[in-house]
Amino acid sequence: MTTIVNLGVKIPSFVSKRDLKEAVKNLAIQEGKILKDLSLVFTDDEYLLEVNKQYLNHDYFTDVITFDYSSFPEVSGDVMISLDRVKDNALSLEQSFEREFYRVVFHGVLHLCGYKDKTKENASVMRSKEDYYLNRFVSRETNSN
Protein backbone atom coordinates (compact mmCIF):
# COMPACT_ATOMS: atom_id res chain seq x y z
CA MET A 1 0.00 0.00 0.00
CA THR A 2 1.28 3.45 -0.89
CA THR A 3 0.56 6.42 1.34
CA ILE A 4 1.09 9.99 0.19
CA VAL A 5 1.83 12.52 2.93
CA ASN A 6 2.41 16.25 2.69
CA LEU A 7 4.23 17.93 5.56
CA GLY A 8 3.97 21.71 5.35
CA VAL A 9 3.68 21.77 1.56
CA LYS A 10 0.93 21.46 -0.99
CA ILE A 11 1.09 18.51 -3.38
CA PRO A 12 1.52 19.97 -6.90
CA SER A 13 -1.71 20.30 -8.87
CA PHE A 14 -0.37 18.13 -11.71
CA VAL A 15 -0.14 15.13 -9.36
CA SER A 16 -2.91 12.56 -9.51
CA LYS A 17 -2.44 10.55 -6.32
CA ARG A 18 -4.09 7.53 -7.95
CA ASP A 19 -1.78 7.70 -10.99
CA LEU A 20 1.29 8.26 -8.82
CA LYS A 21 0.47 5.23 -6.68
CA GLU A 22 -0.10 3.15 -9.81
CA ALA A 23 3.19 4.30 -11.37
CA VAL A 24 5.29 3.36 -8.32
CA LYS A 25 3.47 0.03 -8.02
CA ASN A 26 4.18 -0.73 -11.69
CA LEU A 27 7.81 0.35 -11.30
CA ALA A 28 8.25 -2.14 -8.44
CA ILE A 29 6.57 -4.90 -10.45
CA GLN A 30 8.79 -4.23 -13.48
CA GLU A 31 11.81 -4.46 -11.19
CA GLY A 32 10.64 -7.90 -10.05
CA LYS A 33 9.52 -6.67 -6.64
CA ILE A 34 6.29 -6.67 -4.64
CA LEU A 35 5.24 -3.25 -3.35
CA LYS A 36 4.21 -3.50 0.30
CA ASP A 37 4.27 -0.42 2.54
CA LEU A 38 5.53 2.73 0.86
CA SER A 39 5.20 6.26 2.17
CA LEU A 40 5.86 9.13 -0.21
CA VAL A 41 6.42 12.12 2.06
CA PHE A 42 6.53 15.56 0.45
CA THR A 43 7.98 18.39 2.48
CA ASP A 44 10.24 21.45 2.29
CA ASP A 45 13.98 22.09 2.51
CA GLU A 46 14.02 22.91 6.21
CA TYR A 47 12.22 19.75 7.28
CA LEU A 48 14.33 17.48 5.10
CA LEU A 49 17.51 19.24 6.28
CA GLU A 50 16.59 18.35 9.86
CA VAL A 51 15.96 14.73 8.87
CA ASN A 52 19.29 14.70 7.02
CA LYS A 53 21.11 16.02 10.10
CA GLN A 54 19.34 13.80 12.61
CA TYR A 55 19.43 10.46 10.82
CA LEU A 56 22.33 10.73 8.37
CA ASN A 57 24.63 13.30 10.05
CA HIS A 58 24.61 15.36 6.83
CA ASP A 59 24.30 19.14 7.14
CA TYR A 60 23.11 20.02 3.65
CA PHE A 61 19.94 20.27 1.58
CA THR A 62 18.94 17.28 -0.52
CA ASP A 63 16.05 16.47 -2.81
CA VAL A 64 15.33 12.96 -1.52
CA ILE A 65 16.07 10.74 1.46
CA THR A 66 15.04 7.11 1.42
CA PHE A 67 14.55 4.93 4.47
CA ASP A 68 14.55 1.33 3.30
CA TYR A 69 12.60 -1.31 5.26
CA SER A 70 12.51 -3.79 2.37
CA SER A 71 12.88 -7.52 2.66
CA PHE A 72 13.44 -9.15 -0.73
CA PRO A 73 11.34 -9.37 -2.85
CA GLU A 74 9.08 -6.96 -0.98
CA VAL A 75 9.64 -3.23 -1.23
CA SER A 76 8.84 -1.13 1.85
CA GLY A 77 10.12 2.23 2.98
CA ASP A 78 9.77 5.96 3.28
CA VAL A 79 10.73 8.25 0.42
CA MET A 80 11.00 11.82 1.71
CA ILE A 81 11.17 14.56 -0.92
CA SER A 82 11.82 18.28 -0.60
CA LEU A 83 9.62 20.07 -3.12
CA ASP A 84 11.86 23.15 -2.67
CA ARG A 85 14.86 21.17 -3.94
CA VAL A 86 12.84 19.61 -6.76
CA LYS A 87 11.81 23.08 -7.97
CA ASP A 88 15.40 24.35 -7.79
CA ASN A 89 16.71 21.24 -9.55
CA ALA A 90 14.15 21.68 -12.32
CA LEU A 91 15.33 25.25 -12.90
CA SER A 92 19.03 24.44 -12.84
CA LEU A 93 18.56 21.36 -15.05
CA GLU A 94 16.20 23.24 -17.39
CA GLN A 95 13.50 20.62 -16.87
CA SER A 96 9.84 21.05 -16.07
CA PHE A 97 8.89 20.87 -12.39
CA GLU A 98 6.61 17.95 -13.25
CA ARG A 99 9.35 15.94 -14.94
CA GLU A 100 11.81 16.57 -12.11
CA PHE A 101 9.14 15.72 -9.52
CA TYR A 102 8.57 12.29 -11.04
CA ARG A 103 12.30 11.72 -11.60
CA VAL A 104 12.96 12.21 -7.89
CA VAL A 105 10.01 10.00 -6.88
CA PHE A 106 11.22 7.21 -9.19
CA HIS A 107 14.79 7.71 -7.93
CA GLY A 108 13.67 7.11 -4.34
CA VAL A 109 11.65 4.03 -5.24
CA LEU A 110 14.54 2.66 -7.30
CA HIS A 111 16.71 2.92 -4.17
CA LEU A 112 14.14 0.75 -2.39
CA CYS A 113 14.42 -1.72 -5.28
CA GLY A 114 18.14 -2.03 -4.58
CA TYR A 115 19.74 0.48 -6.94
CA LYS A 116 22.64 2.60 -5.70
CA ASP A 117 24.09 5.84 -7.04
CA LYS A 118 27.35 6.50 -5.19
CA THR A 119 29.69 5.41 -8.00
CA LYS A 120 29.76 6.79 -11.53
CA GLU A 121 28.71 3.42 -12.93
CA ASN A 122 25.83 2.99 -10.47
CA ALA A 123 24.69 6.59 -11.02
CA SER A 124 24.60 5.93 -14.77
CA VAL A 125 22.42 2.84 -14.28
CA MET A 126 20.15 4.80 -11.91
CA ARG A 127 19.77 7.66 -14.41
CA SER A 128 18.94 5.23 -17.19
CA LYS A 129 16.26 3.59 -15.02
CA GLU A 130 14.81 7.00 -14.10
CA ASP A 131 14.63 7.94 -17.79
CA TYR A 132 12.98 4.63 -18.63
CA TYR A 133 10.22 5.11 -16.05
CA LEU A 134 9.78 8.79 -16.94
CA ASN A 135 9.23 7.80 -20.55
CA ARG A 136 6.88 5.01 -19.54
CA PHE A 137 4.72 6.71 -16.91
CA VAL A 138 4.90 10.47 -17.43
CA SER A 139 2.95 12.34 -20.11
CA ARG A 140 4.52 13.02 -23.49
CA GLU A 141 4.11 16.77 -22.94
CA THR A 142 6.14 16.57 -19.74
CA ASN A 143 8.80 14.37 -21.35
CA SER A 144 9.31 16.76 -24.26
CA ASN A 145 10.95 19.35 -21.99
C-alpha atoms as a PDB file:
ATOM      1  CA  MET A   1       0.000   0.000   0.000  1.00  0.00           C
ATOM      2  CA  THR A   2       1.283   3.452  -0.886  1.00  0.00           C
ATOM      3  CA  THR A   3       0.556   6.419   1.340  1.00  0.00           C
ATOM      4  CA  ILE A   4       1.091   9.994   0.186  1.00  0.00           C
ATOM      5  CA  VAL A   5       1.831  12.523   2.929  1.00  0.00           C
ATOM      6  CA  ASN A   6       2.406  16.248   2.687  1.00  0.00           C
ATOM      7  CA  LEU A   7       4.227  17.932   5.559  1.00  0.00           C
ATOM      8  CA  GLY A   8       3.967  21.712   5.352  1.00  0.00           C
ATOM      9  CA  VAL A   9       3.678  21.769   1.562  1.00  0.00           C
ATOM     10  CA  LYS A  10       0.932  21.456  -0.991  1.00  0.00           C
ATOM     11  CA  ILE A  11       1.088  18.514  -3.382  1.00  0.00           C
ATOM     12  CA  PRO A  12       1.519  19.974  -6.898  1.00  0.00           C
ATOM     13  CA  SER A  13      -1.715  20.297  -8.872  1.00  0.00           C
ATOM     14  CA  PHE A  14      -0.369  18.131 -11.713  1.00  0.00           C
ATOM     15  CA  VAL A  15      -0.141  15.126  -9.356  1.00  0.00           C
ATOM     16  CA  SER A  16      -2.909  12.561  -9.506  1.00  0.00           C
ATOM     17  CA  LYS A  17      -2.441  10.546  -6.323  1.00  0.00           C
ATOM     18  CA  ARG A  18      -4.085   7.531  -7.951  1.00  0.00           C
ATOM     19  CA  ASP A  19      -1.784   7.698 -10.992  1.00  0.00           C
ATOM     20  CA  LEU A  20       1.291   8.264  -8.818  1.00  0.00           C
ATOM     21  CA  LYS A  21       0.470   5.230  -6.681  1.00  0.00           C
ATOM     22  CA  GLU A  22      -0.101   3.155  -9.812  1.00  0.00           C
ATOM     23  CA  ALA A  23       3.191   4.301 -11.365  1.00  0.00           C
ATOM     24  CA  VAL A  24       5.293   3.359  -8.323  1.00  0.00           C
ATOM     25  CA  LYS A  25       3.466   0.031  -8.021  1.00  0.00           C
ATOM     26  CA  ASN A  26       4.185  -0.733 -11.687  1.00  0.00           C
ATOM     27  CA  LEU A  27       7.807   0.348 -11.295  1.00  0.00           C
ATOM     28  CA  ALA A  28       8.247  -2.145  -8.442  1.00  0.00           C
ATOM     29  CA  ILE A  29       6.568  -4.901 -10.454  1.00  0.00           C
ATOM     30  CA  GLN A  30       8.791  -4.234 -13.484  1.00  0.00           C
ATOM     31  CA  GLU A  31      11.813  -4.457 -11.192  1.00  0.00           C
ATOM     32  CA  GLY A  32      10.639  -7.902 -10.055  1.00  0.00           C
ATOM     33  CA  LYS A  33       9.517  -6.670  -6.640  1.00  0.00           C
ATOM     34  CA  ILE A  34       6.293  -6.665  -4.637  1.00  0.00           C
ATOM     35  CA  LEU A  35       5.244  -3.253  -3.350  1.00  0.00           C
ATOM     36  CA  LYS A  36       4.213  -3.500   0.301  1.00  0.00           C
ATOM     37  CA  ASP A  37       4.268  -0.424   2.539  1.00  0.00           C
ATOM     38  CA  LEU A  38       5.527   2.728   0.862  1.00  0.00           C
ATOM     39  CA  SER A  39       5.198   6.263   2.175  1.00  0.00           C
ATOM     40  CA  LEU A  40       5.860   9.128  -0.212  1.00  0.00           C
ATOM     41  CA  VAL A  41       6.425  12.118   2.062  1.00  0.00           C
ATOM     42  CA  PHE A  42       6.528  15.556   0.453  1.00  0.00           C
ATOM     43  CA  THR A  43       7.978  18.393   2.484  1.00  0.00           C
ATOM     44  CA  ASP A  44      10.243  21.453   2.293  1.00  0.00           C
ATOM     45  CA  ASP A  45      13.982  22.094   2.510  1.00  0.00           C
ATOM     46  CA  GLU A  46      14.021  22.912   6.212  1.00  0.00           C
ATOM     47  CA  TYR A  47      12.219  19.754   7.280  1.00  0.00           C
ATOM     48  CA  LEU A  48      14.332  17.484   5.096  1.00  0.00           C
ATOM     49  CA  LEU A  49      17.515  19.243   6.276  1.00  0.00           C
ATOM     50  CA  GLU A  50      16.594  18.352   9.865  1.00  0.00           C
ATOM     51  CA  VAL A  51      15.960  14.734   8.865  1.00  0.00           C
ATOM     52  CA  ASN A  52      19.292  14.704   7.018  1.00  0.00           C
ATOM     53  CA  LYS A  53      21.109  16.019  10.103  1.00  0.00           C
ATOM     54  CA  GLN A  54      19.341  13.802  12.614  1.00  0.00           C
ATOM     55  CA  TYR A  55      19.432  10.462  10.817  1.00  0.00           C
ATOM     56  CA  LEU A  56      22.333  10.731   8.369  1.00  0.00           C
ATOM     57  CA  ASN A  57      24.626  13.301  10.053  1.00  0.00           C
ATOM     58  CA  HIS A  58      24.614  15.364   6.833  1.00  0.00           C
ATOM     59  CA  ASP A  59      24.300  19.136   7.138  1.00  0.00           C
ATOM     60  CA  TYR A  60      23.110  20.021   3.651  1.00  0.00           C
ATOM     61  CA  PHE A  61      19.942  20.268   1.585  1.00  0.00           C
ATOM     62  CA  THR A  62      18.942  17.284  -0.516  1.00  0.00           C
ATOM     63  CA  ASP A  63      16.054  16.474  -2.808  1.00  0.00           C
ATOM     64  CA  VAL A  64      15.330  12.964  -1.521  1.00  0.00           C
ATOM     65  CA  ILE A  65      16.070  10.738   1.462  1.00  0.00           C
ATOM     66  CA  THR A  66      15.036   7.113   1.417  1.00  0.00           C
ATOM     67  CA  PHE A  67      14.550   4.927   4.466  1.00  0.00           C
ATOM     68  CA  ASP A  68      14.553   1.330   3.305  1.00  0.00           C
ATOM     69  CA  TYR A  69      12.601  -1.310   5.264  1.00  0.00           C
ATOM     70  CA  SER A  70      12.509  -3.787   2.375  1.00  0.00           C
ATOM     71  CA  SER A  71      12.885  -7.525   2.661  1.00  0.00           C
ATOM     72  CA  PHE A  72      13.440  -9.149  -0.734  1.00  0.00           C
ATOM     73  CA  PRO A  73      11.341  -9.369  -2.849  1.00  0.00           C
ATOM     74  CA  GLU A  74       9.076  -6.965  -0.978  1.00  0.00           C
ATOM     75  CA  VAL A  75       9.642  -3.225  -1.227  1.00  0.00           C
ATOM     76  CA  SER A  76       8.844  -1.129   1.849  1.00  0.00           C
ATOM     77  CA  GLY A  77      10.119   2.232   2.984  1.00  0.00           C
ATOM     78  CA  ASP A  78       9.766   5.961   3.275  1.00  0.00           C
ATOM     79  CA  VAL A  79      10.730   8.249   0.420  1.00  0.00           C
ATOM     80  CA  MET A  80      11.002  11.822   1.711  1.00  0.00           C
ATOM     81  CA  ILE A  81      11.173  14.557  -0.919  1.00  0.00           C
ATOM     82  CA  SER A  82      11.822  18.284  -0.600  1.00  0.00           C
ATOM     83  CA  LEU A  83       9.622  20.071  -3.117  1.00  0.00           C
ATOM     84  CA  ASP A  84      11.859  23.149  -2.671  1.00  0.00           C
ATOM     85  CA  ARG A  85      14.864  21.167  -3.935  1.00  0.00           C
ATOM     86  CA  VAL A  86      12.841  19.611  -6.757  1.00  0.00           C
ATOM     87  CA  LYS A  87      11.811  23.080  -7.966  1.00  0.00           C
ATOM     88  CA  ASP A  88      15.404  24.354  -7.787  1.00  0.00           C
ATOM     89  CA  ASN A  89      16.708  21.240  -9.547  1.00  0.00           C
ATOM     90  CA  ALA A  90      14.149  21.676 -12.318  1.00  0.00           C
ATOM     91  CA  LEU A  91      15.325  25.251 -12.898  1.00  0.00           C
ATOM     92  CA  SER A  92      19.033  24.437 -12.837  1.00  0.00           C
ATOM     93  CA  LEU A  93      18.563  21.357 -15.053  1.00  0.00           C
ATOM     94  CA  GLU A  94      16.204  23.236 -17.389  1.00  0.00           C
ATOM     95  CA  GLN A  95      13.499  20.619 -16.874  1.00  0.00           C
ATOM     96  CA  SER A  96       9.843  21.051 -16.072  1.00  0.00           C
ATOM     97  CA  PHE A  97       8.894  20.870 -12.393  1.00  0.00           C
ATOM     98  CA  GLU A  98       6.612  17.948 -13.246  1.00  0.00           C
ATOM     99  CA  ARG A  99       9.350  15.935 -14.943  1.00  0.00           C
ATOM    100  CA  GLU A 100      11.811  16.573 -12.114  1.00  0.00           C
ATOM    101  CA  PHE A 101       9.141  15.718  -9.521  1.00  0.00           C
ATOM    102  CA  TYR A 102       8.565  12.293 -11.045  1.00  0.00           C
ATOM    103  CA  ARG A 103      12.304  11.717 -11.601  1.00  0.00           C
ATOM    104  CA  VAL A 104      12.961  12.212  -7.887  1.00  0.00           C
ATOM    105  CA  VAL A 105      10.008   9.995  -6.883  1.00  0.00           C
ATOM    106  CA  PHE A 106      11.224   7.214  -9.188  1.00  0.00           C
ATOM    107  CA  HIS A 107      14.789   7.710  -7.928  1.00  0.00           C
ATOM    108  CA  GLY A 108      13.670   7.113  -4.339  1.00  0.00           C
ATOM    109  CA  VAL A 109      11.646   4.028  -5.237  1.00  0.00           C
ATOM    110  CA  LEU A 110      14.545   2.663  -7.296  1.00  0.00           C
ATOM    111  CA  HIS A 111      16.713   2.919  -4.173  1.00  0.00           C
ATOM    112  CA  LEU A 112      14.144   0.746  -2.392  1.00  0.00           C
ATOM    113  CA  CYS A 113      14.415  -1.724  -5.278  1.00  0.00           C
ATOM    114  CA  GLY A 114      18.141  -2.033  -4.577  1.00  0.00           C
ATOM    115  CA  TYR A 115      19.744   0.482  -6.939  1.00  0.00           C
ATOM    116  CA  LYS A 116      22.643   2.599  -5.696  1.00  0.00           C
ATOM    117  CA  ASP A 117      24.093   5.845  -7.039  1.00  0.00           C
ATOM    118  CA  LYS A 118      27.355   6.498  -5.193  1.00  0.00           C
ATOM    119  CA  THR A 119      29.694   5.406  -8.000  1.00  0.00           C
ATOM    120  CA  LYS A 120      29.757   6.793 -11.526  1.00  0.00           C
ATOM    121  CA  GLU A 121      28.708   3.424 -12.935  1.00  0.00           C
ATOM    122  CA  ASN A 122      25.830   2.993 -10.465  1.00  0.00           C
ATOM    123  CA  ALA A 123      24.690   6.593 -11.025  1.00  0.00           C
ATOM    124  CA  SER A 124      24.603   5.932 -14.775  1.00  0.00           C
ATOM    125  CA  VAL A 125      22.416   2.841 -14.278  1.00  0.00           C
ATOM    126  CA  MET A 126      20.153   4.795 -11.908  1.00  0.00           C
ATOM    127  CA  ARG A 127      19.772   7.661 -14.408  1.00  0.00           C
ATOM    128  CA  SER A 128      18.942   5.235 -17.194  1.00  0.00           C
ATOM    129  CA  LYS A 129      16.261   3.589 -15.015  1.00  0.00           C
ATOM    130  CA  GLU A 130      14.814   7.005 -14.099  1.00  0.00           C
ATOM    131  CA  ASP A 131      14.633   7.937 -17.786  1.00  0.00           C
ATOM    132  CA  TYR A 132      12.977   4.626 -18.628  1.00  0.00           C
ATOM    133  CA  TYR A 133      10.224   5.112 -16.051  1.00  0.00           C
ATOM    134  CA  LEU A 134       9.782   8.794 -16.935  1.00  0.00           C
ATOM    135  CA  ASN A 135       9.228   7.796 -20.554  1.00  0.00           C
ATOM    136  CA  ARG A 136       6.882   5.007 -19.537  1.00  0.00           C
ATOM    137  CA  PHE A 137       4.723   6.712 -16.905  1.00  0.00           C
ATOM    138  CA  VAL A 138       4.897  10.469 -17.434  1.00  0.00           C
ATOM    139  CA  SER A 139       2.950  12.340 -20.106  1.00  0.00           C
ATOM    140  CA  ARG A 140       4.523  13.017 -23.491  1.00  0.00           C
ATOM    141  CA  GLU A 141       4.115  16.766 -22.936  1.00  0.00           C
ATOM    142  CA  THR A 142       6.144  16.574 -19.744  1.00  0.00           C
ATOM    143  CA  ASN A 143       8.798  14.374 -21.349  1.00  0.00           C
ATOM    144  CA  SER A 144       9.315  16.757 -24.258  1.00  0.00           C
ATOM    145  CA  ASN A 145      10.951  19.352 -21.988  1.00  0.00           C
END
